[in-house]
């Protein structure tokens, strides 16, 4: 029996990770800001015969973050899998964005996973096994305002961590999906069908989670779900920045 802690577990990819991990026999620790939504996901986990703890926490709040890190280092109830999924999107118009919101964006996508990984690594390395999955984005491989930048950091750090800690039994994987049908874009004010993205570029959450969990189990440093995005990832470095940045303007 293993326990997995998932941040941003109240909806979207986080909720799907919780369900699929429960289907694979894991107990869950669900972290998020929306208590009602977390309770719904917890009920879905319990329907699958697994236990579910709920930690209502804004990870940008120091006291709330301390509660989550304390759970990660609890030797009596070890966490075997950490899924860093919490995040939010912003307009790509950096010059018009509130810089304080940009800083929160940076902290949630980079600082918080770094802190949670640091907390989880100690017990995992001591036990000699554990898995960490960081939800990044295909945007990590393209110039796409600060969103691409924060995801690039996460991918680069994950690759290093996997090389460094994999031989000691702890693998670290960055999943880099493309556009996924969740409520992420709706929170940006983009209703379904109005994102400006061709239909063939959309993935469903279940596929992204299933393929990334497979790569996590194999200890791969980077997981790019779907053949179409694997091809796109290979093409992006050889295309001019101006062209790639223009393509990245779609969907915010």
C-alpha atoms as a PDB file:
ATOM      1  CA  UNK A   1       0.000   0.000   0.000  1.00  0.00           C
ATOM      2  CA  UNK A   2       1.335   3.439  -0.921  1.00  0.00           C
ATOM      3  CA  UNK A   3       0.173   6.966  -0.213  1.00  0.00           C
ATOM      4  CA  UNK A   4       0.220   9.714  -2.835  1.00  0.00           C
ATOM      5  CA  UNK A   5      -0.043  13.437  -2.092  1.00  0.00           C
ATOM      6  CA  UNK A   6      -1.526  15.538  -4.899  1.00  0.00           C
ATOM      7  CA  UNK A   7      -1.592  19.329  -4.909  1.00  0.00           C
ATOM      8  CA  UNK A   8      -4.228  21.197  -6.885  1.00  0.00           C
ATOM      9  CA  UNK A   9      -6.394  18.110  -6.383  1.00  0.00           C
ATOM     10  CA  UNK A  10      -9.797  19.801  -6.380  1.00  0.00           C
ATOM     11  CA  UNK A  11     -10.336  19.698 -10.161  1.00  0.00           C
ATOM     12  CA  UNK A  12      -8.791  19.121 -13.581  1.00  0.00           C
ATOM     13  CA  UNK A  13      -5.598  17.105 -13.816  1.00  0.00           C
ATOM     14  CA  UNK A  14      -5.180  17.001 -10.034  1.00  0.00           C
ATOM     15  CA  UNK A  15      -8.545  15.318  -9.512  1.00  0.00           C
ATOM     16  CA  UNK A  16      -7.817  12.890 -12.356  1.00  0.00           C
ATOM     17  CA  UNK A  17      -4.448  11.993 -10.816  1.00  0.00           C
ATOM     18  CA  UNK A  18      -6.245  11.275  -7.550  1.00  0.00           C
ATOM     19  CA  UNK A  19      -8.790   8.991  -9.217  1.00  0.00           C
ATOM     20  CA  UNK A  20      -6.267   7.078 -11.315  1.00  0.00           C
ATOM     21  CA  UNK A  21      -3.825   6.666  -8.436  1.00  0.00           C
ATOM     22  CA  UNK A  22      -6.679   5.306  -6.320  1.00  0.00           C
ATOM     23  CA  UNK A  23      -7.509   2.874  -9.131  1.00  0.00           C
ATOM     24  CA  UNK A  24      -3.885   1.719  -8.919  1.00  0.00           C
ATOM     25  CA  UNK A  25      -4.213   1.016  -5.203  1.00  0.00           C
ATOM     26  CA  UNK A  26      -2.873   4.217  -3.640  1.00  0.00           C
ATOM     27  CA  UNK A  27      -4.319   6.061  -0.687  1.00  0.00           C
ATOM     28  CA  UNK A  28      -4.543   9.817  -1.255  1.00  0.00           C
ATOM     29  CA  UNK A  29      -3.715  13.066   0.480  1.00  0.00           C
ATOM     30  CA  UNK A  30      -5.625  15.766  -1.405  1.00  0.00           C
ATOM     31  CA  UNK A  31      -4.363  19.351  -1.222  1.00  0.00           C
ATOM     32  CA  UNK A  32      -6.222  22.377  -2.542  1.00  0.00           C
ATOM     33  CA  UNK A  33      -8.015  25.586  -1.634  1.00  0.00           C
ATOM     34  CA  UNK A  34     -11.623  24.543  -2.305  1.00  0.00           C
ATOM     35  CA  UNK A  35     -12.869  22.386   0.574  1.00  0.00           C
ATOM     36  CA  UNK A  36     -16.147  21.474  -1.134  1.00  0.00           C
ATOM     37  CA  UNK A  37     -14.438  20.376  -4.351  1.00  0.00           C
ATOM     38  CA  UNK A  38     -11.821  18.403  -2.411  1.00  0.00           C
ATOM     39  CA  UNK A  39     -14.549  16.570  -0.513  1.00  0.00           C
ATOM     40  CA  UNK A  40     -16.102  15.507  -3.834  1.00  0.00           C
ATOM     41  CA  UNK A  41     -12.779  14.106  -5.057  1.00  0.00           C
ATOM     42  CA  UNK A  42     -12.216  12.440  -1.673  1.00  0.00           C
ATOM     43  CA  UNK A  43     -15.586  10.695  -2.007  1.00  0.00           C
ATOM     44  CA  UNK A  44     -14.580   9.443  -5.464  1.00  0.00           C
ATOM     45  CA  UNK A  45     -11.350   8.045  -4.006  1.00  0.00           C
ATOM     46  CA  UNK A  46     -13.221   6.309  -1.197  1.00  0.00           C
ATOM     47  CA  UNK A  47     -15.677   4.815  -3.673  1.00  0.00           C
ATOM     48  CA  UNK A  48     -12.642   3.097  -5.162  1.00  0.00           C
ATOM     49  CA  UNK A  49     -11.855   1.500  -1.802  1.00  0.00           C
ATOM     50  CA  UNK A  50      -8.967   3.783  -0.860  1.00  0.00           C
ATOM     51  CA  UNK A  51      -8.559   6.292   1.962  1.00  0.00           C
ATOM     52  CA  UNK A  52      -8.471  10.033   1.354  1.00  0.00           C
ATOM     53  CA  UNK A  53      -7.150  12.790   3.597  1.00  0.00           C
ATOM     54  CA  UNK A  54      -8.145  16.356   2.778  1.00  0.00           C
ATOM     55  CA  UNK A  55      -5.792  19.262   3.448  1.00  0.00           C
ATOM     56  CA  UNK A  56      -7.399  22.596   2.630  1.00  0.00           C
ATOM     57  CA  UNK A  57      -4.426  24.838   1.972  1.00  0.00           C
ATOM     58  CA  UNK A  58      -3.375  27.876  -0.029  1.00  0.00           C
ATOM     59  CA  UNK A  59       0.204  26.843  -0.734  1.00  0.00           C
ATOM     60  CA  UNK A  60       1.291  30.482  -0.996  1.00  0.00           C
ATOM     61  CA  UNK A  61       0.357  30.934   2.663  1.00  0.00           C
ATOM     62  CA  UNK A  62       3.347  30.099   4.875  1.00  0.00           C
ATOM     63  CA  UNK A  63       1.334  28.429   7.634  1.00  0.00           C
ATOM     64  CA  UNK A  64      -0.688  26.337   5.184  1.00  0.00           C
ATOM     65  CA  UNK A  65       2.467  25.294   3.355  1.00  0.00           C
ATOM     66  CA  UNK A  66       3.983  24.202   6.645  1.00  0.00           C
ATOM     67  CA  UNK A  67       1.022  21.878   7.238  1.00  0.00           C
ATOM     68  CA  UNK A  68       1.589  20.220   3.863  1.00  0.00           C
ATOM     69  CA  UNK A  69       5.348  19.875   4.311  1.00  0.00           C
ATOM     70  CA  UNK A  70       4.775  18.403   7.765  1.00  0.00           C
ATOM     71  CA  UNK A  71       2.569  15.752   6.190  1.00  0.00           C
ATOM     72  CA  UNK A  72       5.298  14.914   3.683  1.00  0.00           C
ATOM     73  CA  UNK A  73       7.869  14.290   6.425  1.00  0.00           C
ATOM     74  CA  UNK A  74       5.530  12.303   8.703  1.00  0.00           C
ATOM     75  CA  UNK A  75       7.494   9.084   9.224  1.00  0.00           C
ATOM     76  CA  UNK A  76       4.476   7.296  10.680  1.00  0.00           C
ATOM     77  CA  UNK A  77       2.442   7.853   7.520  1.00  0.00           C
ATOM     78  CA  UNK A  78       4.964   7.980   4.671  1.00  0.00           C
ATOM     79  CA  UNK A  79       4.170   9.540   1.306  1.00  0.00           C
ATOM     80  CA  UNK A  80       5.525   7.416  -1.540  1.00  0.00           C
ATOM     81  CA  UNK A  81       4.324   9.574  -4.459  1.00  0.00           C
ATOM     82  CA  UNK A  82       4.254  13.383  -4.632  1.00  0.00           C
ATOM     83  CA  UNK A  83       2.354  15.054  -7.490  1.00  0.00           C
ATOM     84  CA  UNK A  84       3.086  18.780  -7.789  1.00  0.00           C
ATOM     85  CA  UNK A  85       0.121  19.954  -9.817  1.00  0.00           C
ATOM     86  CA  UNK A  86      -1.079  23.238  -8.269  1.00  0.00           C
ATOM     87  CA  UNK A  87      -0.917  26.239 -10.567  1.00  0.00           C
ATOM     88  CA  UNK A  88      -2.787  28.929 -12.467  1.00  0.00           C
ATOM     89  CA  UNK A  89      -2.512  30.745 -15.778  1.00  0.00           C
ATOM     90  CA  UNK A  90      -2.278  34.414 -16.683  1.00  0.00           C
ATOM     91  CA  UNK A  91      -2.536  36.688 -19.666  1.00  0.00           C
ATOM     92  CA  UNK A  92       0.600  36.569 -21.805  1.00  0.00           C
ATOM     93  CA  UNK A  93       0.755  40.392 -21.797  1.00  0.00           C
ATOM     94  CA  UNK A  94       3.428  40.636 -19.107  1.00  0.00           C
ATOM     95  CA  UNK A  95       3.613  44.423 -19.317  1.00  0.00           C
ATOM     96  CA  UNK A  96      -0.081  44.747 -18.411  1.00  0.00           C
ATOM     97  CA  UNK A  97      -0.163  42.139 -15.658  1.00  0.00           C
ATOM     98  CA  UNK A  98       0.025  43.050 -11.992  1.00  0.00           C
ATOM     99  CA  UNK A  99       3.625  42.285 -11.079  1.00  0.00           C
ATOM    100  CA  UNK A 100       2.581  40.970  -7.649  1.00  0.00           C
ATOM    101  CA  UNK A 101       0.333  38.420  -9.348  1.00  0.00           C
ATOM    102  CA  UNK A 102       3.247  37.514 -11.616  1.00  0.00           C
ATOM    103  CA  UNK A 103       5.368  36.882  -8.526  1.00  0.00           C
ATOM    104  CA  UNK A 104       2.648  34.658  -7.044  1.00  0.00           C
ATOM    105  CA  UNK A 105       2.543  32.822 -10.373  1.00  0.00           C
ATOM    106  CA  UNK A 106       6.322  32.315 -10.235  1.00  0.00           C
ATOM    107  CA  UNK A 107       6.223  31.128  -6.630  1.00  0.00           C
ATOM    108  CA  UNK A 108       3.377  28.656  -7.111  1.00  0.00           C
ATOM    109  CA  UNK A 109       4.897  27.067 -10.209  1.00  0.00           C
ATOM    110  CA  UNK A 110       8.534  26.976  -9.076  1.00  0.00           C
ATOM    111  CA  UNK A 111       9.140  27.802  -5.422  1.00  0.00           C
ATOM    112  CA  UNK A 112       6.320  25.659  -4.037  1.00  0.00           C
ATOM    113  CA  UNK A 113       7.269  22.477  -5.965  1.00  0.00           C
ATOM    114  CA  UNK A 114      10.884  23.073  -4.933  1.00  0.00           C
ATOM    115  CA  UNK A 115       9.921  23.300  -1.263  1.00  0.00           C
ATOM    116  CA  UNK A 116       7.626  20.278  -1.396  1.00  0.00           C
ATOM    117  CA  UNK A 117      10.244  18.223  -3.248  1.00  0.00           C
ATOM    118  CA  UNK A 118      12.844  19.175  -0.653  1.00  0.00           C
ATOM    119  CA  UNK A 119      10.525  18.046   2.133  1.00  0.00           C
ATOM    120  CA  UNK A 120       9.623  14.779   0.404  1.00  0.00           C
ATOM    121  CA  UNK A 121      13.134  13.833  -0.693  1.00  0.00           C
ATOM    122  CA  UNK A 122      14.556  13.366   2.802  1.00  0.00           C
ATOM    123  CA  UNK A 123      12.186  10.562   3.865  1.00  0.00           C
ATOM    124  CA  UNK A 124      12.122   9.046   0.372  1.00  0.00           C
ATOM    125  CA  UNK A 125      15.902   8.828   0.159  1.00  0.00           C
ATOM    126  CA  UNK A 126      16.094   7.418   3.659  1.00  0.00           C
ATOM    127  CA  UNK A 127      13.643   4.665   2.674  1.00  0.00           C
ATOM    128  CA  UNK A 128      15.409   4.172  -0.658  1.00  0.00           C
ATOM    129  CA  UNK A 129      12.313   4.596  -2.810  1.00  0.00           C
ATOM    130  CA  UNK A 130       9.774   7.193  -3.909  1.00  0.00           C
ATOM    131  CA  UNK A 131       8.420   8.979  -6.945  1.00  0.00           C
ATOM    132  CA  UNK A 132       7.851  12.672  -7.653  1.00  0.00           C
ATOM    133  CA  UNK A 133       5.829  13.994 -10.576  1.00  0.00           C
ATOM    134  CA  UNK A 134       5.938  17.680 -11.502  1.00  0.00           C
ATOM    135  CA  UNK A 135       3.205  18.917 -13.816  1.00  0.00           C
ATOM    136  CA  UNK A 136       4.889  21.204 -16.340  1.00  0.00           C
ATOM    137  CA  UNK A 137       3.771  21.970 -19.905  1.00  0.00           C
ATOM    138  CA  UNK A 138       4.783  21.761 -23.548  1.00  0.00           C
ATOM    139  CA  UNK A 139       5.225  25.534 -23.088  1.00  0.00           C
ATOM    140  CA  UNK A 140       8.511  24.698 -21.333  1.00  0.00           C
ATOM    141  CA  UNK A 141      10.009  24.177 -24.793  1.00  0.00           C
ATOM    142  CA  UNK A 142       8.826  27.448 -26.326  1.00  0.00           C
ATOM    143  CA  UNK A 143       8.989  31.209 -25.632  1.00  0.00           C
ATOM    144  CA  UNK A 144       5.592  31.852 -24.033  1.00  0.00           C
ATOM    145  CA  UNK A 145       5.786  34.777 -21.611  1.00  0.00           C
ATOM    146  CA  UNK A 146       6.374  33.881 -17.961  1.00  0.00           C
ATOM    147  CA  UNK A 147       4.319  30.669 -18.179  1.00  0.00           C
ATOM    148  CA  UNK A 148       6.856  29.078 -20.517  1.00  0.00           C
ATOM    149  CA  UNK A 149       9.666  30.382 -18.311  1.00  0.00           C
ATOM    150  CA  UNK A 150       8.375  28.909 -15.053  1.00  0.00           C
ATOM    151  CA  UNK A 151       7.676  25.576 -16.706  1.00  0.00           C
ATOM    152  CA  UNK A 152      11.146  25.522 -18.289  1.00  0.00           C
ATOM    153  CA  UNK A 153      12.686  25.877 -14.822  1.00  0.00           C
ATOM    154  CA  UNK A 154      10.561  23.016 -13.540  1.00  0.00           C
ATOM    155  CA  UNK A 155      11.556  20.719 -16.411  1.00  0.00           C
ATOM    156  CA  UNK A 156      15.249  21.557 -16.138  1.00  0.00           C
ATOM    157  CA  UNK A 157      15.330  21.001 -12.383  1.00  0.00           C
ATOM    158  CA  UNK A 158      13.366  17.761 -12.742  1.00  0.00           C
ATOM    159  CA  UNK A 159      15.823  16.374 -15.286  1.00  0.00           C
ATOM    160  CA  UNK A 160      18.728  17.105 -12.959  1.00  0.00           C
ATOM    161  CA  UNK A 161      16.908  15.653  -9.951  1.00  0.00           C
ATOM    162  CA  UNK A 162      16.069  12.437 -11.785  1.00  0.00           C
ATOM    163  CA  UNK A 163      19.721  11.907 -12.706  1.00  0.00           C
ATOM    164  CA  UNK A 164      20.852  12.719  -9.169  1.00  0.00           C
ATOM    165  CA  UNK A 165      18.289  10.791  -7.124  1.00  0.00           C
ATOM    166  CA  UNK A 166      17.186   8.027  -9.501  1.00  0.00           C
ATOM    167  CA  UNK A 167      20.198   5.829  -8.639  1.00  0.00           C
ATOM    168  CA  UNK A 168      19.222   6.217  -4.972  1.00  0.00           C
ATOM    169  CA  UNK A 169      15.694   4.945  -5.602  1.00  0.00           C
ATOM    170  CA  UNK A 170      13.776   8.216  -6.024  1.00  0.00           C
ATOM    171  CA  UNK A 171      12.729   9.124  -9.555  1.00  0.00           C
ATOM    172  CA  UNK A 172      11.486  12.552 -10.623  1.00  0.00           C
ATOM    173  CA  UNK A 173       9.346  13.091 -13.732  1.00  0.00           C
ATOM    174  CA  UNK A 174       8.107  16.277 -15.411  1.00  0.00           C
ATOM    175  CA  UNK A 175       4.916  15.805 -17.414  1.00  0.00           C
ATOM    176  CA  UNK A 176       4.595  18.239 -20.309  1.00  0.00           C
ATOM    177  CA  UNK A 177       1.093  18.098 -21.795  1.00  0.00           C
ATOM    178  CA  UNK A 178      -0.241  20.357 -24.478  1.00  0.00           C
ATOM    179  CA  UNK A 179      -3.764  21.762 -24.360  1.00  0.00           C
ATOM    180  CA  UNK A 180      -5.946  19.657 -22.063  1.00  0.00           C
ATOM    181  CA  UNK A 181      -9.715  19.750 -21.632  1.00  0.00           C
ATOM    182  CA  UNK A 182     -10.013  20.923 -18.005  1.00  0.00           C
ATOM    183  CA  UNK A 183     -11.333  24.103 -16.373  1.00  0.00           C
ATOM    184  CA  UNK A 184      -7.863  25.727 -16.589  1.00  0.00           C
ATOM    185  CA  UNK A 185      -8.726  27.845 -19.626  1.00  0.00           C
ATOM    186  CA  UNK A 186     -12.174  28.680 -18.314  1.00  0.00           C
ATOM    187  CA  UNK A 187     -10.550  30.253 -15.240  1.00  0.00           C
ATOM    188  CA  UNK A 188      -8.663  32.476 -17.681  1.00  0.00           C
ATOM    189  CA  UNK A 189     -11.980  33.684 -19.066  1.00  0.00           C
ATOM    190  CA  UNK A 190     -11.880  31.500 -22.168  1.00  0.00           C
ATOM    191  CA  UNK A 191     -15.144  29.554 -22.543  1.00  0.00           C
ATOM    192  CA  UNK A 192     -15.023  26.122 -24.194  1.00  0.00           C
ATOM    193  CA  UNK A 193     -14.726  26.446 -27.967  1.00  0.00           C
ATOM    194  CA  UNK A 194     -13.382  30.002 -27.801  1.00  0.00           C
ATOM    195  CA  UNK A 195      -9.720  29.314 -27.031  1.00  0.00           C
ATOM    196  CA  UNK A 196      -8.599  29.628 -30.653  1.00  0.00           C
ATOM    197  CA  UNK A 197      -7.014  26.153 -30.577  1.00  0.00           C
ATOM    198  CA  UNK A 198      -7.659  23.576 -33.352  1.00  0.00           C
ATOM    199  CA  UNK A 199      -9.527  20.518 -32.167  1.00  0.00           C
ATOM    200  CA  UNK A 200      -6.691  18.108 -32.984  1.00  0.00           C
ATOM    201  CA  UNK A 201      -4.436  19.846 -30.441  1.00  0.00           C
ATOM    202  CA  UNK A 202      -6.671  19.058 -27.471  1.00  0.00           C
ATOM    203  CA  UNK A 203      -6.036  16.124 -25.138  1.00  0.00           C
ATOM    204  CA  UNK A 204      -8.331  14.691 -22.504  1.00  0.00           C
ATOM    205  CA  UNK A 205      -7.212  14.642 -18.875  1.00  0.00           C
ATOM    206  CA  UNK A 206      -7.574  10.871 -18.500  1.00  0.00           C
ATOM    207  CA  UNK A 207      -5.096  10.230 -21.344  1.00  0.00           C
ATOM    208  CA  UNK A 208      -2.561  12.739 -20.021  1.00  0.00           C
ATOM    209  CA  UNK A 209      -2.667  11.247 -16.539  1.00  0.00           C
ATOM    210  CA  UNK A 210      -2.573   7.639 -17.731  1.00  0.00           C
ATOM    211  CA  UNK A 211       0.446   8.176 -19.988  1.00  0.00           C
ATOM    212  CA  UNK A 212       2.335  10.278 -17.448  1.00  0.00           C
ATOM    213  CA  UNK A 213       1.795   7.728 -14.675  1.00  0.00           C
ATOM    214  CA  UNK A 214       3.171   5.073 -17.016  1.00  0.00           C
ATOM    215  CA  UNK A 215       6.279   7.197 -17.595  1.00  0.00           C
ATOM    216  CA  UNK A 216       6.517   7.894 -13.869  1.00  0.00           C
ATOM    217  CA  UNK A 217       6.551   4.164 -13.173  1.00  0.00           C
ATOM    218  CA  UNK A 218       9.336   3.773 -15.751  1.00  0.00           C
ATOM    219  CA  UNK A 219      11.414   6.477 -14.090  1.00  0.00           C
ATOM    220  CA  UNK A 220      11.508   8.780 -17.096  1.00  0.00           C
ATOM    221  CA  UNK A 221      12.634  12.347 -16.506  1.00  0.00           C
ATOM    222  CA  UNK A 222      10.263  13.915 -19.055  1.00  0.00           C
ATOM    223  CA  UNK A 223       6.837  12.682 -20.120  1.00  0.00           C
ATOM    224  CA  UNK A 224       5.151  14.210 -23.167  1.00  0.00           C
ATOM    225  CA  UNK A 225       1.716  12.590 -23.527  1.00  0.00           C
ATOM    226  CA  UNK A 226       0.506  11.714 -27.043  1.00  0.00           C
ATOM    227  CA  UNK A 227       2.443  11.168 -30.257  1.00  0.00           C
ATOM    228  CA  UNK A 228       1.344  14.508 -31.697  1.00  0.00           C
ATOM    229  CA  UNK A 229       2.971  16.463 -28.871  1.00  0.00           C
ATOM    230  CA  UNK A 230       6.094  14.304 -28.934  1.00  0.00           C
ATOM    231  CA  UNK A 231       6.512  15.396 -32.549  1.00  0.00           C
ATOM    232  CA  UNK A 232       5.792  19.031 -31.669  1.00  0.00           C
ATOM    233  CA  UNK A 233       8.385  18.935 -28.903  1.00  0.00           C
ATOM    234  CA  UNK A 234      11.037  17.805 -31.397  1.00  0.00           C
ATOM    235  CA  UNK A 235      10.075  20.494 -33.899  1.00  0.00           C
ATOM    236  CA  UNK A 236      10.002  23.466 -31.528  1.00  0.00           C
ATOM    237  CA  UNK A 237      13.798  23.855 -31.029  1.00  0.00           C
ATOM    238  CA  UNK A 238      14.452  24.085 -34.773  1.00  0.00           C
ATOM    239  CA  UNK A 239      11.772  26.690 -35.522  1.00  0.00           C
ATOM    240  CA  UNK A 240      12.477  30.454 -35.281  1.00  0.00           C
ATOM    241  CA  UNK A 241      11.560  32.033 -31.933  1.00  0.00           C
ATOM    242  CA  UNK A 242       9.327  34.584 -33.657  1.00  0.00           C
ATOM    243  CA  UNK A 243       7.261  31.820 -35.267  1.00  0.00           C
ATOM    244  CA  UNK A 244       7.016  29.718 -32.096  1.00  0.00           C
ATOM    245  CA  UNK A 245       6.141  32.735 -29.941  1.00  0.00           C
ATOM    246  CA  UNK A 246       3.406  33.633 -32.413  1.00  0.00           C
ATOM    247  CA  UNK A 247       1.956  30.153 -32.254  1.00  0.00           C
ATOM    248  CA  UNK A 248       2.115  30.335 -28.474  1.00  0.00           C
ATOM    249  CA  UNK A 249      -0.128  33.397 -28.392  1.00  0.00           C
ATOM    250  CA  UNK A 250      -3.159  31.185 -28.878  1.00  0.00           C
ATOM    251  CA  UNK A 251      -5.108  30.010 -25.858  1.00  0.00           C
ATOM    252  CA  UNK A 252      -3.279  32.434 -23.609  1.00  0.00           C
END
